[in-house]
Amino acid sequence: ITKHMKPSMQNQQGGIVRQEGPIDISNVMYLH
């Protein structure tokens, strides 16, 4: 997902950040 971040102490620049979004646990299967 894309997230618009305000400038902060950790992220001085701010801007648009791409990060993982949550998925329901029922929509994944363990790989063995």
ModelCIF file with pLDDT and N, C-alpha, C, O atoms, coordinates in Angstrom:
data_MODEL
#
_entry.id   MODEL 
#
_entity.id                         1 
_entity.type                       polymer 
_entity.pdbx_number_of_molecules   1 
#
_entity_poly.entity_id                      1 
_entity_poly.type                           'polypeptide(L)' 
_entity_poly.nstd_linkage                   no 
_entity_poly.nstd_monomer                   no 
_entity_poly.pdbx_seq_one_letter_code       ITKHMKPSMQNQQGGIVRQEGPIDISNVMYLH 
_entity_poly.pdbx_seq_one_letter_code_can   ITKHMKPSMQNQQGGIVRQEGPIDISNVMYLH 
_entity_poly.pdbx_strand_id                 A 
#
loop_
_entity_poly_seq.entity_id 
_entity_poly_seq.num 
_entity_poly_seq.mon_id 
_entity_poly_seq.hetero 
1 1  ILE n 
1 2  THR n 
1 3  LYS n 
1 4  HIS n 
1 5  MET n 
1 6  LYS n 
1 7  PRO n 
1 8  SER n 
1 9  MET n 
1 10 GLN n 
1 11 ASN n 
1 12 GLN n 
1 13 GLN n 
1 14 GLY n 
1 15 GLY n 
1 16 ILE n 
1 17 VAL n 
1 18 ARG n 
1 19 GLN n 
1 20 GLU n 
1 21 GLY n 
1 22 PRO n 
1 23 ILE n 
1 24 ASP n 
1 25 ILE n 
1 26 SER n 
1 27 ASN n 
1 28 VAL n 
1 29 MET n 
1 30 TYR n 
1 31 LEU n 
1 32 HIS n 
#
_struct_asym.id          A 
_struct_asym.entity_id   1 
#
loop_
_ma_qa_metric.id 
_ma_qa_metric.mode 
_ma_qa_metric.name 
_ma_qa_metric.software_group_id 
_ma_qa_metric.type 
1 global pLDDT . pLDDT 
2 local  pLDDT . pLDDT 
#
_ma_qa_metric_global.metric_id      1 
_ma_qa_metric_global.metric_value   93.22 
_ma_qa_metric_global.model_id       1 
_ma_qa_metric_global.ordinal_id     1 
#
loop_
_ma_qa_metric_local.label_asym_id 
_ma_qa_metric_local.label_comp_id 
_ma_qa_metric_local.label_seq_id 
_ma_qa_metric_local.metric_id 
_ma_qa_metric_local.metric_value 
_ma_qa_metric_local.model_id 
_ma_qa_metric_local.ordinal_id 
A ILE 1  2 95.00 1 1  
A THR 2  2 96.00 1 2  
A LYS 3  2 93.00 1 3  
A HIS 4  2 95.00 1 4  
A MET 5  2 92.00 1 5  
A LYS 6  2 93.00 1 6  
A PRO 7  2 93.00 1 7  
A SER 8  2 91.00 1 8  
A MET 9  2 92.00 1 9  
A GLN 10 2 87.00 1 10 
A ASN 11 2 85.00 1 11 
A GLN 12 2 89.00 1 12 
A GLN 13 2 89.00 1 13 
A GLY 14 2 89.00 1 14 
A GLY 15 2 92.00 1 15 
A ILE 16 2 93.00 1 16 
A VAL 17 2 91.00 1 17 
A ARG 18 2 94.00 1 18 
A GLN 19 2 94.00 1 19 
A GLU 20 2 95.00 1 20 
A GLY 21 2 95.00 1 21 
A PRO 22 2 96.00 1 22 
A ILE 23 2 96.00 1 23 
A ASP 24 2 95.00 1 24 
A ILE 25 2 95.00 1 25 
A SER 26 2 94.00 1 26 
A ASN 27 2 95.00 1 27 
A VAL 28 2 96.00 1 28 
A MET 29 2 96.00 1 29 
A TYR 30 2 96.00 1 30 
A LEU 31 2 96.00 1 31 
A HIS 32 2 95.00 1 32 
#
loop_
_atom_site.group_PDB 
_atom_site.id 
_atom_site.type_symbol 
_atom_site.label_atom_id 
_atom_site.label_alt_id 
_atom_site.label_comp_id 
_atom_site.label_asym_id 
_atom_site.label_entity_id 
_atom_site.label_seq_id 
_atom_site.pdbx_PDB_ins_code 
_atom_site.Cartn_x 
_atom_site.Cartn_y 
_atom_site.Cartn_z 
_atom_site.occupancy 
_atom_site.B_iso_or_equiv 
_atom_site.pdbx_formal_charge 
_atom_site.auth_seq_id 
_atom_site.auth_comp_id 
_atom_site.auth_asym_id 
_atom_site.auth_atom_id 
_atom_site.pdbx_PDB_model_num 
ATOM 1   N N  . ILE A 1 1  ? 0.852  -1.186  0.000  1.00 95.00 ? 1  ILE A N  1 
ATOM 2   C CA . ILE A 1 1  ? 0.000  0.000   0.000  1.00 95.00 ? 1  ILE A CA 1 
ATOM 3   C C  . ILE A 1 1  ? 0.891  1.240   0.000  1.00 95.00 ? 1  ILE A C  1 
ATOM 4   O O  . ILE A 1 1  ? 2.047  1.186   0.418  1.00 95.00 ? 1  ILE A O  1 
ATOM 5   N N  . THR A 1 2  ? 0.337  2.359   -0.474 1.00 96.00 ? 2  THR A N  1 
ATOM 6   C CA . THR A 1 2  ? 1.077  3.618   -0.417 1.00 96.00 ? 2  THR A CA 1 
ATOM 7   C C  . THR A 1 2  ? 0.530  4.433   0.736  1.00 96.00 ? 2  THR A C  1 
ATOM 8   O O  . THR A 1 2  ? -0.680 4.519   0.943  1.00 96.00 ? 2  THR A O  1 
ATOM 9   N N  . LYS A 1 3  ? 1.449  5.030   1.485  1.00 93.00 ? 3  LYS A N  1 
ATOM 10  C CA . LYS A 1 3  ? 1.064  5.805   2.659  1.00 93.00 ? 3  LYS A CA 1 
ATOM 11  C C  . LYS A 1 3  ? 1.749  7.161   2.573  1.00 93.00 ? 3  LYS A C  1 
ATOM 12  O O  . LYS A 1 3  ? 2.947  7.241   2.303  1.00 93.00 ? 3  LYS A O  1 
ATOM 13  N N  . HIS A 1 4  ? 0.989  8.228   2.804  1.00 95.00 ? 4  HIS A N  1 
ATOM 14  C CA . HIS A 1 4  ? 1.536  9.572   2.774  1.00 95.00 ? 4  HIS A CA 1 
ATOM 15  C C  . HIS A 1 4  ? 1.993  9.939   4.185  1.00 95.00 ? 4  HIS A C  1 
ATOM 16  O O  . HIS A 1 4  ? 1.180  10.042  5.104  1.00 95.00 ? 4  HIS A O  1 
ATOM 17  N N  . MET A 1 5  ? 3.312  10.137  4.347  1.00 92.00 ? 5  MET A N  1 
ATOM 18  C CA . MET A 1 5  ? 3.895  10.375  5.659  1.00 92.00 ? 5  MET A CA 1 
ATOM 19  C C  . MET A 1 5  ? 4.251  11.849  5.826  1.00 92.00 ? 5  MET A C  1 
ATOM 20  O O  . MET A 1 5  ? 4.838  12.461  4.934  1.00 92.00 ? 5  MET A O  1 
ATOM 21  N N  . LYS A 1 6  ? 3.894  12.407  6.964  1.00 93.00 ? 6  LYS A N  1 
ATOM 22  C CA . LYS A 1 6  ? 4.305  13.765  7.313  1.00 93.00 ? 6  LYS A CA 1 
ATOM 23  C C  . LYS A 1 6  ? 5.762  13.729  7.757  1.00 93.00 ? 6  LYS A C  1 
ATOM 24  O O  . LYS A 1 6  ? 6.215  12.712  8.282  1.00 93.00 ? 6  LYS A O  1 
ATOM 25  N N  . PRO A 1 7  ? 6.502  14.808  7.562  1.00 93.00 ? 7  PRO A N  1 
ATOM 26  C CA . PRO A 1 7  ? 7.863  14.835  8.108  1.00 93.00 ? 7  PRO A CA 1 
ATOM 27  C C  . PRO A 1 7  ? 7.829  14.722  9.638  1.00 93.00 ? 7  PRO A C  1 
ATOM 28  O O  . PRO A 1 7  ? 7.019  15.373  10.298 1.00 93.00 ? 7  PRO A O  1 
ATOM 29  N N  . SER A 1 8  ? 8.711  13.894  10.188 1.00 91.00 ? 8  SER A N  1 
ATOM 30  C CA . SER A 1 8  ? 8.786  13.703  11.636 1.00 91.00 ? 8  SER A CA 1 
ATOM 31  C C  . SER A 1 8  ? 10.249 13.539  12.032 1.00 91.00 ? 8  SER A C  1 
ATOM 32  O O  . SER A 1 8  ? 11.137 13.651  11.187 1.00 91.00 ? 8  SER A O  1 
ATOM 33  N N  . MET A 1 9  ? 10.500 13.279  13.289 1.00 92.00 ? 9  MET A N  1 
ATOM 34  C CA . MET A 1 9  ? 11.877 13.110  13.759 1.00 92.00 ? 9  MET A CA 1 
ATOM 35  C C  . MET A 1 9  ? 12.523 11.859  13.139 1.00 92.00 ? 9  MET A C  1 
ATOM 36  O O  . MET A 1 9  ? 13.702 11.888  12.784 1.00 92.00 ? 9  MET A O  1 
ATOM 37  N N  . GLN A 1 10 ? 11.764 10.768  13.007 1.00 87.00 ? 10 GLN A N  1 
ATOM 38  C CA . GLN A 1 10 ? 12.310 9.554   12.414 1.00 87.00 ? 10 GLN A CA 1 
ATOM 39  C C  . GLN A 1 10 ? 12.445 9.690   10.901 1.00 87.00 ? 10 GLN A C  1 
ATOM 40  O O  . GLN A 1 10 ? 13.437 9.247   10.321 1.00 87.00 ? 10 GLN A O  1 
ATOM 41  N N  . ASN A 1 11 ? 11.437 10.310  10.254 1.00 85.00 ? 11 ASN A N  1 
ATOM 42  C CA . ASN A 1 11 ? 11.413 10.463  8.802  1.00 85.00 ? 11 ASN A CA 1 
ATOM 43  C C  . ASN A 1 11 ? 11.465 11.960  8.488  1.00 85.00 ? 11 ASN A C  1 
ATOM 44  O O  . ASN A 1 11 ? 10.427 12.608  8.354  1.00 85.00 ? 11 ASN A O  1 
ATOM 45  N N  . GLN A 1 12 ? 12.671 12.498  8.373  1.00 89.00 ? 12 GLN A N  1 
ATOM 46  C CA . GLN A 1 12 ? 12.847 13.933  8.174  1.00 89.00 ? 12 GLN A CA 1 
ATOM 47  C C  . GLN A 1 12 ? 12.240 14.412  6.851  1.00 89.00 ? 12 GLN A C  1 
ATOM 48  O O  . GLN A 1 12 ? 11.695 15.513  6.771  1.00 89.00 ? 12 GLN A O  1 
ATOM 49  N N  . GLN A 1 13 ? 12.339 13.576  5.820  1.00 89.00 ? 13 GLN A N  1 
ATOM 50  C CA . GLN A 1 13 ? 11.906 13.960  4.479  1.00 89.00 ? 13 GLN A CA 1 
ATOM 51  C C  . GLN A 1 13 ? 10.387 13.915  4.334  1.00 89.00 ? 13 GLN A C  1 
ATOM 52  O O  . GLN A 1 13 ? 9.803  14.799  3.707  1.00 89.00 ? 13 GLN A O  1 
ATOM 53  N N  . GLY A 1 14 ? 9.743  12.903  4.902  1.00 89.00 ? 14 GLY A N  1 
ATOM 54  C CA . GLY A 1 14 ? 8.308  12.715  4.687  1.00 89.00 ? 14 GLY A CA 1 
ATOM 55  C C  . GLY A 1 14 ? 8.090  12.136  3.304  1.00 89.00 ? 14 GLY A C  1 
ATOM 56  O O  . GLY A 1 14 ? 8.988  11.495  2.758  1.00 89.00 ? 14 GLY A O  1 
ATOM 57  N N  . GLY A 1 15 ? 6.908  12.349  2.719  1.00 92.00 ? 15 GLY A N  1 
ATOM 58  C CA . GLY A 1 15 ? 6.639  11.893  1.357  1.00 92.00 ? 15 GLY A CA 1 
ATOM 59  C C  . GLY A 1 15 ? 5.786  10.643  1.303  1.00 92.00 ? 15 GLY A C  1 
ATOM 60  O O  . GLY A 1 15 ? 5.137  10.269  2.280  1.00 92.00 ? 15 GLY A O  1 
ATOM 61  N N  . ILE A 1 16 ? 5.800  9.996   0.130  1.00 93.00 ? 16 ILE A N  1 
ATOM 62  C CA . ILE A 1 16 ? 4.977  8.810   -0.110 1.00 93.00 ? 16 ILE A CA 1 
ATOM 63  C C  . ILE A 1 16 ? 5.831  7.571   0.144  1.00 93.00 ? 16 ILE A C  1 
ATOM 64  O O  . ILE A 1 16 ? 6.918  7.430   -0.416 1.00 93.00 ? 16 ILE A O  1 
ATOM 65  N N  . VAL A 1 17 ? 5.330  6.681   0.988  1.00 91.00 ? 17 VAL A N  1 
ATOM 66  C CA . VAL A 1 17 ? 6.044  5.463   1.377  1.00 91.00 ? 17 VAL A CA 1 
ATOM 67  C C  . VAL A 1 17 ? 5.212  4.255   0.978  1.00 91.00 ? 17 VAL A C  1 
ATOM 68  O O  . VAL A 1 17 ? 3.997  4.234   1.179  1.00 91.00 ? 17 VAL A O  1 
ATOM 69  N N  . ARG A 1 18 ? 5.885  3.229   0.401  1.00 94.00 ? 18 ARG A N  1 
ATOM 70  C CA . ARG A 1 18 ? 5.199  1.964   0.095  1.00 94.00 ? 18 ARG A CA 1 
ATOM 71  C C  . ARG A 1 18 ? 5.542  0.971   1.197  1.00 94.00 ? 18 ARG A C  1 
ATOM 72  O O  . ARG A 1 18 ? 6.709  0.777   1.540  1.00 94.00 ? 18 ARG A O  1 
ATOM 73  N N  . GLN A 1 19 ? 4.490  0.338   1.752  1.00 94.00 ? 19 GLN A N  1 
ATOM 74  C CA . GLN A 1 19 ? 4.707  -0.644  2.813  1.00 94.00 ? 19 GLN A CA 1 
ATOM 75  C C  . GLN A 1 19 ? 3.662  -1.735  2.725  1.00 94.00 ? 19 GLN A C  1 
ATOM 76  O O  . GLN A 1 19 ? 2.672  -1.610  2.003  1.00 94.00 ? 19 GLN A O  1 
ATOM 77  N N  . GLU A 1 20 ? 3.893  -2.814  3.473  1.00 95.00 ? 20 GLU A N  1 
ATOM 78  C CA . GLU A 1 20 ? 2.973  -3.952  3.476  1.00 95.00 ? 20 GLU A CA 1 
ATOM 79  C C  . GLU A 1 20 ? 1.709  -3.615  4.240  1.00 95.00 ? 20 GLU A C  1 
ATOM 80  O O  . GLU A 1 20 ? 1.752  -2.955  5.278  1.00 95.00 ? 20 GLU A O  1 
ATOM 81  N N  . GLY A 1 21 ? 0.583  -4.074  3.715  1.00 95.00 ? 21 GLY A N  1 
ATOM 82  C CA . GLY A 1 21 ? -0.696 -3.919  4.398  1.00 95.00 ? 21 GLY A CA 1 
ATOM 83  C C  . GLY A 1 21 ? -1.091 -5.238  5.043  1.00 95.00 ? 21 GLY A C  1 
ATOM 84  O O  . GLY A 1 21 ? -0.586 -6.290  4.651  1.00 95.00 ? 21 GLY A O  1 
ATOM 85  N N  . PRO A 1 22 ? -1.988 -5.202  6.027  1.00 96.00 ? 22 PRO A N  1 
ATOM 86  C CA . PRO A 1 22 ? -2.382 -6.439  6.712  1.00 96.00 ? 22 PRO A CA 1 
ATOM 87  C C  . PRO A 1 22 ? -3.245 -7.339  5.828  1.00 96.00 ? 22 PRO A C  1 
ATOM 88  O O  . PRO A 1 22 ? -4.031 -6.864  5.008  1.00 96.00 ? 22 PRO A O  1 
ATOM 89  N N  . ILE A 1 23 ? -3.077 -8.653  6.016  1.00 96.00 ? 23 ILE A N  1 
ATOM 90  C CA . ILE A 1 23 ? -3.863 -9.676  5.316  1.00 96.00 ? 23 ILE A CA 1 
ATOM 91  C C  . ILE A 1 23 ? -4.516 -10.541 6.377  1.00 96.00 ? 23 ILE A C  1 
ATOM 92  O O  . ILE A 1 23 ? -3.899 -10.840 7.399  1.00 96.00 ? 23 ILE A O  1 
ATOM 93  N N  . ASP A 1 24 ? -5.756 -10.945 6.146  1.00 95.00 ? 24 ASP A N  1 
ATOM 94  C CA . ASP A 1 24 ? -6.426 -11.840 7.094  1.00 95.00 ? 24 ASP A CA 1 
ATOM 95  C C  . ASP A 1 24 ? -5.708 -13.179 7.101  1.00 95.00 ? 24 ASP A C  1 
ATOM 96  O O  . ASP A 1 24 ? -5.259 -13.659 6.060  1.00 95.00 ? 24 ASP A O  1 
ATOM 97  N N  . ILE A 1 25 ? -5.604 -13.772 8.263  1.00 95.00 ? 25 ILE A N  1 
ATOM 98  C CA . ILE A 1 25 ? -4.854 -15.015 8.421  1.00 95.00 ? 25 ILE A CA 1 
ATOM 99  C C  . ILE A 1 25 ? -5.483 -16.176 7.648  1.00 95.00 ? 25 ILE A C  1 
ATOM 100 O O  . ILE A 1 25 ? -4.794 -17.135 7.300  1.00 95.00 ? 25 ILE A O  1 
ATOM 101 N N  . SER A 1 26 ? -6.797 -16.092 7.376  1.00 94.00 ? 26 SER A N  1 
ATOM 102 C CA . SER A 1 26 ? -7.475 -17.154 6.638  1.00 94.00 ? 26 SER A CA 1 
ATOM 103 C C  . SER A 1 26 ? -7.127 -17.136 5.155  1.00 94.00 ? 26 SER A C  1 
ATOM 104 O O  . SER A 1 26 ? -7.431 -18.094 4.444  1.00 94.00 ? 26 SER A O  1 
ATOM 105 N N  . ASN A 1 27 ? -6.496 -16.065 4.673  1.00 95.00 ? 27 ASN A N  1 
ATOM 106 C CA . ASN A 1 27 ? -6.159 -15.948 3.254  1.00 95.00 ? 27 ASN A CA 1 
ATOM 107 C C  . ASN A 1 27 ? -4.743 -16.402 2.925  1.00 95.00 ? 27 ASN A C  1 
ATOM 108 O O  . ASN A 1 27 ? -4.274 -16.184 1.808  1.00 95.00 ? 27 ASN A O  1 
ATOM 109 N N  . VAL A 1 28 ? -4.052 -17.031 3.875  1.00 96.00 ? 28 VAL A N  1 
ATOM 110 C CA . VAL A 1 28 ? -2.708 -17.541 3.614  1.00 96.00 ? 28 VAL A CA 1 
ATOM 111 C C  . VAL A 1 28 ? -2.610 -18.998 4.052  1.00 96.00 ? 28 VAL A C  1 
ATOM 112 O O  . VAL A 1 28 ? -3.350 -19.458 4.921  1.00 96.00 ? 28 VAL A O  1 
ATOM 113 N N  . MET A 1 29 ? -1.666 -19.716 3.421  1.00 96.00 ? 29 MET A N  1 
ATOM 114 C CA . MET A 1 29 ? -1.374 -21.103 3.806  1.00 96.00 ? 29 MET A CA 1 
ATOM 115 C C  . MET A 1 29 ? 0.117  -21.240 4.060  1.00 96.00 ? 29 MET A C  1 
ATOM 116 O O  . MET A 1 29 ? 0.937  -20.623 3.380  1.00 96.00 ? 29 MET A O  1 
ATOM 117 N N  . TYR A 1 30 ? 0.452  -22.045 5.035  1.00 96.00 ? 30 TYR A N  1 
ATOM 118 C CA . TYR A 1 30 ? 1.845  -22.313 5.382  1.00 96.00 ? 30 TYR A CA 1 
ATOM 119 C C  . TYR A 1 30 ? 2.510  -23.092 4.248  1.00 96.00 ? 30 TYR A C  1 
ATOM 120 O O  . TYR A 1 30 ? 1.903  -24.000 3.679  1.00 96.00 ? 30 TYR A O  1 
ATOM 121 N N  . LEU A 1 31 ? 3.766  -22.740 3.915  1.00 96.00 ? 31 LEU A N  1 
ATOM 122 C CA . LEU A 1 31 ? 4.524  -23.465 2.897  1.00 96.00 ? 31 LEU A CA 1 
ATOM 123 C C  . LEU A 1 31 ? 5.495  -24.422 3.572  1.00 96.00 ? 31 LEU A C  1 
ATOM 124 O O  . LEU A 1 31 ? 6.335  -24.012 4.373  1.00 96.00 ? 31 LEU A O  1 
ATOM 125 N N  . HIS A 1 32 ? 5.369  -25.705 3.235  1.00 95.00 ? 32 HIS A N  1 
ATOM 126 C CA . HIS A 1 32 ? 6.267  -26.728 3.763  1.00 95.00 ? 32 HIS A CA 1 
ATOM 127 C C  . HIS A 1 32 ? 6.927  -27.411 2.574  1.00 95.00 ? 32 HIS A C  1 
ATOM 128 O O  . HIS A 1 32 ? 7.737  -28.321 2.756  1.00 95.00 ? 32 HIS A O  1 
#
